[in-house]
N, C-alpha and C. Protein backbone atom coordinates (compact mmCIF):
# COMPACT_ATOMS: atom_id res chain seq x y z
N UNK A 1 50.78 211.70 -9.53
CA UNK A 1 50.52 211.02 -8.54
C UNK A 1 51.00 211.02 -6.95
N UNK A 2 52.50 210.85 -7.01
CA UNK A 2 53.29 211.40 -5.52
C UNK A 2 52.54 212.59 -5.29
N UNK A 3 52.68 213.87 -5.78
CA UNK A 3 52.64 215.06 -4.94
C UNK A 3 50.75 215.01 -4.54
N UNK A 4 50.09 214.34 -4.73
CA UNK A 4 48.64 214.59 -4.28
C UNK A 4 48.92 213.31 -3.10
N UNK A 5 50.24 212.44 -2.84
CA UNK A 5 50.27 211.73 -1.72
C UNK A 5 50.49 212.79 -0.70
N UNK A 6 51.41 213.81 -1.45
CA UNK A 6 52.36 214.54 -0.35
C UNK A 6 51.11 215.60 0.33
N UNK A 7 50.26 215.93 -0.49
CA UNK A 7 49.74 217.11 0.07
C UNK A 7 48.03 216.64 0.77
N UNK A 8 47.85 215.50 0.82
CA UNK A 8 46.28 215.04 1.11
C UNK A 8 46.06 214.99 2.25
N UNK A 9 47.19 214.85 3.71
CA UNK A 9 46.95 214.76 4.41
C UNK A 9 47.36 216.44 5.35
N UNK A 10 47.64 216.81 5.25
CA UNK A 10 47.47 218.56 5.31
C UNK A 10 46.42 219.57 4.89
N UNK A 11 45.65 219.00 3.69
CA UNK A 11 44.63 219.32 3.00
C UNK A 11 43.26 218.91 3.72
N UNK A 12 43.38 217.70 4.22
CA UNK A 12 42.08 217.28 5.09
C UNK A 12 42.09 217.48 6.45
N UNK A 13 43.17 217.93 7.08
CA UNK A 13 42.98 218.77 8.13
C UNK A 13 42.86 220.45 7.97
N UNK A 14 43.40 220.89 7.16
CA UNK A 14 42.64 222.15 6.83
C UNK A 14 40.63 222.04 6.63
N UNK A 15 41.64 221.30 5.98
CA UNK A 15 39.11 220.77 6.08
C UNK A 15 38.26 221.13 6.68
N UNK A 16 39.11 220.23 7.74
CA UNK A 16 38.55 219.74 9.05
C UNK A 16 38.07 221.14 10.00
N UNK A 17 39.60 221.64 9.94
CA UNK A 17 39.59 222.74 10.76
C UNK A 17 38.91 224.35 9.90
N UNK A 18 38.59 224.36 8.80
CA UNK A 18 37.66 225.65 8.03
C UNK A 18 35.96 225.08 8.31
N UNK A 19 35.82 223.59 7.85
CA UNK A 19 34.37 222.93 8.09
C UNK A 19 34.41 223.87 9.50
N UNK A 20 35.04 222.99 10.66
CA UNK A 20 35.06 222.88 11.85
C UNK A 20 34.06 224.76 12.25
N UNK A 21 34.63 225.17 12.18
CA UNK A 21 35.12 226.85 12.34
C UNK A 21 33.37 227.49 11.70
N UNK A 22 33.14 226.98 10.32
CA UNK A 22 32.02 227.23 9.72
C UNK A 22 30.99 226.73 10.43
N UNK A 23 31.09 225.44 11.20
CA UNK A 23 29.89 225.38 11.88
C UNK A 23 29.74 226.00 13.55
N UNK A 24 30.91 226.82 13.58
CA UNK A 24 30.89 227.36 15.01
C UNK A 24 30.64 225.93 15.92
N UNK A 25 32.43 224.92 15.30
CA UNK A 25 31.80 223.84 16.74
C UNK A 25 33.50 224.10 17.36
N UNK A 26 34.00 223.95 18.71
CA UNK A 26 34.66 224.41 19.45
C UNK A 26 35.53 222.93 19.05
N UNK A 27 36.66 223.64 18.34
CA UNK A 27 37.72 222.58 18.11
C UNK A 27 38.64 222.06 18.83
N UNK A 28 38.95 223.05 19.41
CA UNK A 28 39.74 221.96 20.65
C UNK A 28 38.72 220.91 21.47
N UNK A 29 37.65 221.42 22.05
CA UNK A 29 37.30 220.95 22.51
C UNK A 29 36.56 219.73 22.62
N UNK A 30 35.69 219.35 21.00
CA UNK A 30 35.38 218.21 20.18
C UNK A 30 37.01 217.29 20.33
N UNK A 31 38.47 218.21 20.44
CA UNK A 31 40.01 217.57 19.43
C UNK A 31 39.98 215.90 21.16
N UNK A 32 39.85 217.32 22.26
CA UNK A 32 40.21 216.77 23.59
C UNK A 32 39.34 215.53 23.90
N UNK A 33 37.66 216.13 23.85
CA UNK A 33 37.33 214.89 23.75
C UNK A 33 37.06 213.85 23.36
N UNK A 34 37.42 214.00 22.30
CA UNK A 34 37.57 212.29 21.22
C UNK A 34 38.88 212.06 21.88
N UNK A 35 39.78 212.65 22.10
CA UNK A 35 41.01 212.24 22.55
C UNK A 35 40.82 211.09 23.82
N UNK A 36 39.69 211.77 24.71
CA UNK A 36 39.76 211.02 26.08
C UNK A 36 38.83 209.54 25.90
N UNK A 37 38.05 209.67 25.00
CA UNK A 37 37.37 208.74 24.68
C UNK A 37 37.75 207.67 24.11
N UNK A 38 39.24 207.90 22.93
CA UNK A 38 40.12 207.16 22.54
C UNK A 38 40.81 206.17 23.57
N UNK A 39 41.03 207.06 24.45
CA UNK A 39 42.06 206.77 25.47
C UNK A 39 41.18 205.65 26.54
N UNK A 40 39.88 205.93 26.86
CA UNK A 40 38.56 205.15 27.48
C UNK A 40 38.79 203.76 26.95
N UNK A 41 38.62 204.37 25.17
CA UNK A 41 38.39 202.75 24.49
C UNK A 41 39.31 201.30 24.63
N UNK A 42 41.04 202.21 24.60
CA UNK A 42 42.07 201.61 25.04
C UNK A 42 42.34 201.02 26.09
N UNK A 43 41.52 201.29 27.05
CA UNK A 43 41.88 200.54 28.43
C UNK A 43 40.89 200.01 28.48
N UNK A 44 39.41 199.81 28.01
CA UNK A 44 38.77 198.59 27.61
C UNK A 44 39.24 197.67 26.86
N UNK A 45 40.16 197.75 25.88
CA UNK A 45 40.44 196.95 24.98
C UNK A 45 41.43 196.12 25.07
N UNK A 46 42.64 197.39 25.80
CA UNK A 46 43.67 196.57 26.46
C UNK A 46 43.74 195.06 27.14
N UNK A 47 42.78 194.88 28.23
CA UNK A 47 42.95 193.25 28.36
C UNK A 47 43.32 192.54 27.87
N UNK A 48 42.07 192.03 26.49
CA UNK A 48 41.71 191.45 25.63
C UNK A 48 43.14 191.45 24.69
N UNK A 49 43.27 192.55 24.17
CA UNK A 49 44.37 192.48 23.33
C UNK A 49 45.68 191.77 24.15
N UNK A 50 46.14 192.38 25.43
CA UNK A 50 47.14 191.66 25.70
C UNK A 50 47.10 190.21 26.19
N UNK A 51 46.27 189.76 26.51
CA UNK A 51 45.84 188.19 26.12
C UNK A 51 46.15 187.37 25.04
N UNK A 52 45.12 188.00 23.67
CA UNK A 52 45.22 187.47 23.04
C UNK A 52 46.87 187.52 22.05
N UNK A 53 48.01 188.28 22.58
CA UNK A 53 48.99 188.91 22.21
C UNK A 53 49.54 187.36 22.61
N UNK A 54 49.08 186.93 24.36
CA UNK A 54 50.11 185.84 25.05
C UNK A 54 50.11 184.59 24.56
N UNK A 55 48.73 184.70 24.43
CA UNK A 55 48.05 183.29 23.37
C UNK A 55 48.74 182.84 22.46
N UNK A 56 48.64 183.76 21.55
CA UNK A 56 49.53 183.28 19.99
C UNK A 56 50.92 183.43 20.12
N UNK A 57 51.60 184.18 21.13
CA UNK A 57 53.40 183.80 21.23
C UNK A 57 53.46 182.45 21.84
N UNK A 58 52.71 182.14 22.85
CA UNK A 58 52.58 181.26 23.30
C UNK A 58 52.55 179.92 22.57
N UNK A 59 51.11 179.82 21.06
CA UNK A 59 50.96 179.00 20.76
C UNK A 59 51.76 178.91 19.62
N UNK A 60 52.31 179.73 19.40
CA UNK A 60 53.76 180.14 18.53
C UNK A 60 55.70 179.64 18.42
N UNK A 61 55.12 179.67 19.36
CA UNK A 61 56.49 179.31 20.24
C UNK A 61 56.65 177.73 20.52
N UNK A 62 55.78 177.13 21.01
CA UNK A 62 55.62 175.71 21.62
C UNK A 62 55.67 174.75 20.21
N UNK A 63 55.02 175.63 18.88
CA UNK A 63 55.36 174.84 17.88
C UNK A 63 53.84 173.98 17.50
N UNK A 64 52.69 174.93 18.31
CA UNK A 64 51.28 174.04 17.77
C UNK A 64 51.06 174.11 16.76
N UNK A 65 51.56 175.27 15.91
CA UNK A 65 50.64 175.33 14.33
C UNK A 65 51.25 174.95 13.39
N UNK A 66 53.04 174.18 13.44
CA UNK A 66 53.41 173.44 12.97
C UNK A 66 53.28 172.25 13.09
N UNK A 67 52.56 171.89 14.44
CA UNK A 67 52.28 170.19 14.37
C UNK A 67 50.61 170.01 13.76
N UNK A 68 49.80 171.42 14.02
CA UNK A 68 48.21 171.34 13.55
C UNK A 68 48.24 171.02 12.05
N UNK A 69 48.98 172.35 11.64
CA UNK A 69 49.62 172.11 10.21
C UNK A 69 49.76 170.40 9.33
N UNK A 70 51.29 170.19 9.85
CA UNK A 70 51.26 168.78 9.63
C UNK A 70 49.79 167.44 9.53
N UNK A 71 49.35 167.89 10.92
CA UNK A 71 47.71 166.85 10.99
C UNK A 71 47.27 167.33 9.71
N UNK A 72 47.02 168.57 9.52
CA UNK A 72 45.35 169.46 8.25
C UNK A 72 46.25 168.84 6.85
N UNK A 73 47.38 168.56 6.72
CA UNK A 73 47.92 168.60 5.49
C UNK A 73 47.66 167.75 4.45
N UNK A 74 47.11 166.42 4.75
CA UNK A 74 46.22 165.50 4.27
C UNK A 74 45.01 166.25 3.47
N UNK A 75 44.35 166.09 4.41
CA UNK A 75 42.93 167.14 4.26
C UNK A 75 43.15 168.02 3.46
N UNK A 76 44.23 169.05 3.64
CA UNK A 76 44.10 170.27 2.99
C UNK A 76 44.16 169.75 1.10
N UNK A 77 45.05 168.96 1.43
CA UNK A 77 45.30 168.38 -0.11
C UNK A 77 44.54 167.92 -1.08
N UNK A 78 43.05 167.30 -0.31
CA UNK A 78 41.82 166.47 -0.84
C UNK A 78 41.64 167.46 -1.04
N UNK A 79 41.13 168.82 -0.41
CA UNK A 79 40.38 169.65 -1.04
C UNK A 79 41.28 170.87 -1.96
N UNK A 80 41.79 170.89 -2.37
CA UNK A 80 42.83 171.27 -3.38
C UNK A 80 43.45 172.73 -3.05
N UNK A 81 43.61 172.53 -1.21
CA UNK A 81 44.22 173.81 -0.81
C UNK A 81 45.72 173.50 -0.89
N UNK A 82 46.48 174.13 -1.23
CA UNK A 82 47.87 173.46 -1.11
C UNK A 82 48.56 173.48 0.48
N UNK A 83 49.38 172.42 0.86
CA UNK A 83 49.72 172.40 1.99
C UNK A 83 50.27 173.06 2.69
N UNK A 84 51.19 173.72 1.82
CA UNK A 84 52.21 175.43 2.62
C UNK A 84 51.91 175.99 3.07
N UNK A 85 50.23 176.83 2.49
CA UNK A 85 49.77 177.45 2.95
C UNK A 85 48.69 177.41 3.86
N UNK A 86 48.75 175.90 4.53
CA UNK A 86 47.91 175.98 6.11
C UNK A 86 48.51 176.35 6.90
N UNK A 87 49.98 176.80 7.53
CA UNK A 87 50.38 177.88 8.61
C UNK A 87 49.54 178.68 8.86
N UNK A 88 49.77 179.47 7.16
CA UNK A 88 48.56 180.55 7.09
C UNK A 88 47.69 180.50 7.79
N UNK A 89 46.51 180.02 6.78
CA UNK A 89 45.45 179.62 7.13
C UNK A 89 45.12 179.30 8.49
N UNK A 90 45.97 178.72 9.59
CA UNK A 90 45.45 178.50 11.01
C UNK A 90 45.91 179.97 11.59
N UNK A 91 47.00 180.43 10.97
CA UNK A 91 47.61 182.13 11.97
C UNK A 91 46.80 183.14 11.77
N UNK A 92 45.86 183.27 10.48
CA UNK A 92 45.27 184.42 9.74
C UNK A 92 43.69 184.64 10.88
N UNK A 93 43.17 183.70 11.33
CA UNK A 93 42.18 184.05 11.84
C UNK A 93 42.42 184.59 13.69
N UNK A 94 43.90 184.75 14.01
CA UNK A 94 44.30 184.81 15.11
C UNK A 94 45.22 186.08 15.21
N UNK A 95 46.25 186.11 14.22
CA UNK A 95 46.59 187.57 14.00
C UNK A 95 47.91 188.33 12.94
N UNK A 96 47.30 188.99 12.56
CA UNK A 96 47.14 190.03 11.18
C UNK A 96 48.85 189.80 11.10
N UNK A 97 49.75 190.55 11.95
CA UNK A 97 51.02 190.65 11.92
C UNK A 97 52.04 189.18 11.94
N UNK A 98 51.19 188.26 12.89
CA UNK A 98 51.84 186.75 12.37
C UNK A 98 51.35 186.43 11.04
N UNK A 99 50.79 186.45 10.38
CA UNK A 99 50.18 185.90 9.52
C UNK A 99 50.57 186.27 7.99
N UNK A 100 51.04 187.83 7.58
CA UNK A 100 51.62 188.41 6.76
C UNK A 100 53.23 187.99 7.39
N UNK A 101 53.47 187.48 8.17
CA UNK A 101 55.11 186.66 8.64
C UNK A 101 55.12 186.02 7.20
N UNK A 102 54.25 184.84 8.53
CA UNK A 102 53.89 183.75 6.81
C UNK A 102 54.10 183.93 5.68
N UNK A 103 53.25 185.02 5.48
CA UNK A 103 53.00 185.03 3.52
C UNK A 103 53.72 185.64 3.28
N UNK A 104 54.69 186.52 4.06
CA UNK A 104 55.94 187.24 3.39
C UNK A 104 56.93 186.04 3.29
N UNK A 105 57.11 184.99 4.26
CA UNK A 105 58.00 183.47 3.72
C UNK A 105 57.17 183.06 2.86
N UNK A 106 56.39 182.62 2.62
CA UNK A 106 55.56 181.72 1.74
C UNK A 106 56.19 182.46 0.30
N UNK A 107 55.61 183.56 0.41
CA UNK A 107 56.32 184.74 -1.36
C UNK A 107 57.64 184.36 -1.58
N UNK A 108 58.59 184.62 -0.05
CA UNK A 108 59.98 184.42 -0.69
C UNK A 108 60.55 183.03 -0.76
N UNK A 109 60.25 182.08 -0.47
CA UNK A 109 60.27 181.02 -0.93
C UNK A 109 59.71 180.17 -2.10
N UNK A 110 58.40 180.57 -2.02
CA UNK A 110 57.90 180.06 -3.34
C UNK A 110 58.32 181.02 -4.98
N UNK A 111 57.50 182.59 -4.30
CA UNK A 111 57.12 183.53 -5.46
C UNK A 111 56.01 183.89 -5.33
N UNK A 112 55.99 185.37 -5.88
CA UNK A 112 54.86 186.09 -5.82
C UNK A 112 53.82 185.17 -6.61
N UNK A 113 54.26 184.75 -8.27
CA UNK A 113 54.08 184.15 -9.18
C UNK A 113 53.04 182.69 -9.42
N UNK A 114 53.40 181.86 -8.34
CA UNK A 114 53.44 180.69 -7.76
C UNK A 114 52.18 180.31 -8.04
N UNK A 115 52.11 179.14 -7.62
CA UNK A 115 50.31 178.77 -7.42
C UNK A 115 50.13 178.88 -5.83
N UNK A 116 51.56 178.54 -5.06
CA UNK A 116 51.35 178.23 -3.60
C UNK A 116 51.33 179.59 -3.30
N UNK A 117 52.26 181.04 -4.20
CA UNK A 117 52.23 182.43 -3.86
C UNK A 117 51.09 182.99 -3.90
N UNK A 118 50.15 183.04 -5.20
CA UNK A 118 49.28 183.52 -5.09
C UNK A 118 48.52 183.03 -4.30
N UNK A 119 47.71 181.20 -4.19
CA UNK A 119 46.91 181.09 -3.22
C UNK A 119 47.38 181.69 -1.85
N UNK A 120 48.48 181.89 -1.42
CA UNK A 120 48.68 182.10 0.17
C UNK A 120 47.79 183.82 -0.07
N UNK A 121 48.26 184.51 -1.26
CA UNK A 121 48.50 185.85 -0.91
C UNK A 121 46.89 186.60 -1.44
N UNK A 122 45.66 185.34 -1.45
CA UNK A 122 44.58 186.03 -2.04
C UNK A 122 44.01 185.04 -1.10
N UNK A 123 44.80 183.88 -0.06
CA UNK A 123 43.59 183.50 0.98
C UNK A 123 43.89 184.55 2.18
N UNK A 124 45.36 185.32 2.42
CA UNK A 124 45.44 186.50 3.50
C UNK A 124 44.49 187.80 2.88
N UNK A 125 43.93 187.83 1.98
CA UNK A 125 43.15 189.09 1.79
C UNK A 125 41.18 188.77 1.60
N UNK A 126 41.13 187.51 1.73
CA UNK A 126 40.01 186.69 1.41
C UNK A 126 39.49 186.44 3.04
N UNK A 127 40.78 186.86 4.36
CA UNK A 127 40.37 186.33 5.66
C UNK A 127 40.30 187.54 5.90
N UNK A 128 40.22 187.06 7.92
CA UNK A 128 39.77 188.30 8.78
C UNK A 128 40.77 187.45 9.79
N UNK A 129 41.59 189.00 10.77
CA UNK A 129 41.73 188.36 11.91
C UNK A 129 40.84 188.30 13.15
N UNK A 130 40.12 187.24 12.51
CA UNK A 130 38.79 187.08 13.86
C UNK A 130 39.01 187.83 15.24
N UNK A 131 39.74 186.81 15.54
CA UNK A 131 39.98 187.23 17.02
C UNK A 131 40.38 187.92 17.97
N UNK A 132 40.95 188.58 17.11
CA UNK A 132 41.58 190.02 16.89
C UNK A 132 40.22 191.25 16.85
N UNK A 133 40.17 191.01 15.80
CA UNK A 133 38.71 191.59 15.79
C UNK A 133 37.54 191.81 17.03
N UNK A 134 37.11 190.87 17.31
CA UNK A 134 36.14 190.23 18.30
C UNK A 134 36.73 190.90 19.36
N UNK A 135 38.10 191.04 19.65
CA UNK A 135 38.35 191.76 20.80
C UNK A 135 38.34 193.05 21.22
N UNK A 136 39.13 193.58 19.85
CA UNK A 136 38.41 194.84 19.74
C UNK A 136 37.24 195.70 19.52
N UNK A 137 36.81 195.05 18.77
CA UNK A 137 35.21 195.77 18.74
C UNK A 137 34.70 195.13 20.09
N UNK A 138 34.54 194.16 20.11
CA UNK A 138 32.98 193.60 21.34
C UNK A 138 33.96 194.29 22.60
N UNK A 139 35.39 194.31 23.01
CA UNK A 139 35.88 195.39 24.39
C UNK A 139 35.74 196.66 23.85
N UNK A 140 35.95 196.86 23.13
CA UNK A 140 35.74 198.76 22.86
C UNK A 140 34.27 198.88 23.39
N UNK A 141 32.97 197.70 23.03
CA UNK A 141 31.35 198.36 23.10
C UNK A 141 31.06 197.30 24.56
N UNK A 142 31.67 196.92 25.09
CA UNK A 142 31.85 196.16 26.78
C UNK A 142 31.35 194.66 26.64
N UNK A 143 31.03 193.87 24.84
CA UNK A 143 30.29 193.03 24.97
C UNK A 143 30.54 191.46 25.44
N UNK A 144 30.50 191.05 26.81
CA UNK A 144 31.20 189.84 26.60
C UNK A 144 30.71 188.78 26.74
N UNK A 145 29.71 188.01 25.68
CA UNK A 145 29.45 186.87 25.30
C UNK A 145 29.28 187.49 23.67
N UNK A 146 30.46 186.36 23.55
CA UNK A 146 30.08 186.43 21.53
C UNK A 146 29.24 185.98 21.31
N UNK A 147 28.64 185.15 21.78
CA UNK A 147 27.44 184.23 21.64
C UNK A 147 27.90 183.06 20.03
N UNK A 148 26.95 184.26 18.93
CA UNK A 148 26.96 183.22 17.55
C UNK A 148 28.69 183.46 17.13
N UNK A 149 28.99 184.93 17.25
CA UNK A 149 30.05 185.33 16.37
C UNK A 149 31.25 184.53 15.80
N UNK A 150 32.01 183.81 16.70
CA UNK A 150 33.28 183.22 16.70
C UNK A 150 32.56 182.06 15.49
N UNK A 151 31.73 181.46 16.28
CA UNK A 151 32.10 180.34 15.10
C UNK A 151 31.33 180.58 13.86
N UNK A 152 30.43 182.13 13.26
CA UNK A 152 30.48 182.08 12.23
C UNK A 152 31.42 183.15 11.21
N UNK A 153 31.86 183.61 12.41
CA UNK A 153 33.24 184.07 12.10
C UNK A 153 34.71 183.24 11.54
N UNK A 154 34.66 182.21 12.14
CA UNK A 154 35.96 180.89 11.79
C UNK A 154 35.00 180.08 10.29
N UNK A 155 33.45 180.44 10.48
CA UNK A 155 33.35 179.66 9.44
C UNK A 155 33.55 180.56 7.86
N UNK A 156 33.11 181.64 8.30
CA UNK A 156 33.91 182.80 6.87
C UNK A 156 34.64 182.48 6.65
N UNK A 157 36.11 182.34 7.34
CA UNK A 157 36.97 182.30 7.11
C UNK A 157 37.59 181.33 6.55
N UNK A 158 37.06 180.03 7.31
CA UNK A 158 37.32 178.62 6.38
C UNK A 158 36.77 178.78 5.01
N UNK A 159 35.61 178.88 4.46
CA UNK A 159 35.15 179.48 3.31
C UNK A 159 36.06 180.56 2.36
N UNK A 160 36.58 181.30 2.93
CA UNK A 160 37.50 182.53 2.73
C UNK A 160 38.99 181.12 2.20
N UNK A 161 39.13 180.61 2.66
CA UNK A 161 40.23 179.92 2.09
C UNK A 161 39.97 178.95 1.92
N UNK A 162 38.97 178.47 1.41
CA UNK A 162 38.31 176.99 0.74
C UNK A 162 38.59 177.87 -1.07
N UNK A 163 37.56 179.15 -0.49
CA UNK A 163 37.51 179.93 -2.26
C UNK A 163 38.89 180.46 -2.50
N UNK A 164 39.52 181.34 -2.05
CA UNK A 164 40.60 181.46 -2.01
C UNK A 164 41.48 180.22 -3.34
N UNK A 165 41.66 179.27 -2.26
CA UNK A 165 42.12 178.09 -3.38
C UNK A 165 41.91 178.11 -4.50
N UNK A 166 40.49 177.39 -4.29
CA UNK A 166 39.77 177.04 -5.43
C UNK A 166 39.88 178.34 -6.63
N UNK A 167 39.98 179.29 -6.38
CA UNK A 167 39.83 180.47 -7.19
C UNK A 167 40.97 180.55 -8.27
N UNK A 168 41.74 180.66 -7.57
CA UNK A 168 43.21 180.49 -7.75
C UNK A 168 43.47 179.41 -9.06
N UNK A 169 43.06 178.41 -8.70
CA UNK A 169 43.32 177.30 -9.57
C UNK A 169 42.34 177.61 -10.25
N UNK A 170 41.04 177.51 -10.29
CA UNK A 170 40.06 178.25 -11.61
C UNK A 170 41.16 179.19 -12.96
N UNK A 171 40.98 180.64 -11.94
CA UNK A 171 41.48 181.38 -12.79
C UNK A 171 42.39 181.67 -12.95
């Protein structure tokens, strides 16, 4: 299986080149056109991403997530979500790397096979980095008004968190 992994990227590259040559596509022109479109997308998305990263950093540094976690802990306990995973639930819709750092801390502290570790793992896999996805996808298309996207996506994240905790408890 490891040998397949070593050869997959070169095989795919060769396949693309051969396929393009058989269809008589100007590969270099297509490549440069795609690279240009990629840079244009990056430029259009960059302001949203920079703003998102700054906002997350400020909230994290100020202790906002810790305060909200303490406030929400009783409610989460009532709906059978371990209070220890509340910071993960708050961070996950905002940032993937920050939420995975929290997940890593939870797994190191409580263990991967503990109820808390399993709940955190399923929760991380059942939710999305909502604001990042909206910033990237809407920014690349030039959409300014998110309308119902944010409430619907956050509702899906909340349900993902609830059902993650309940399914781990059930199974």
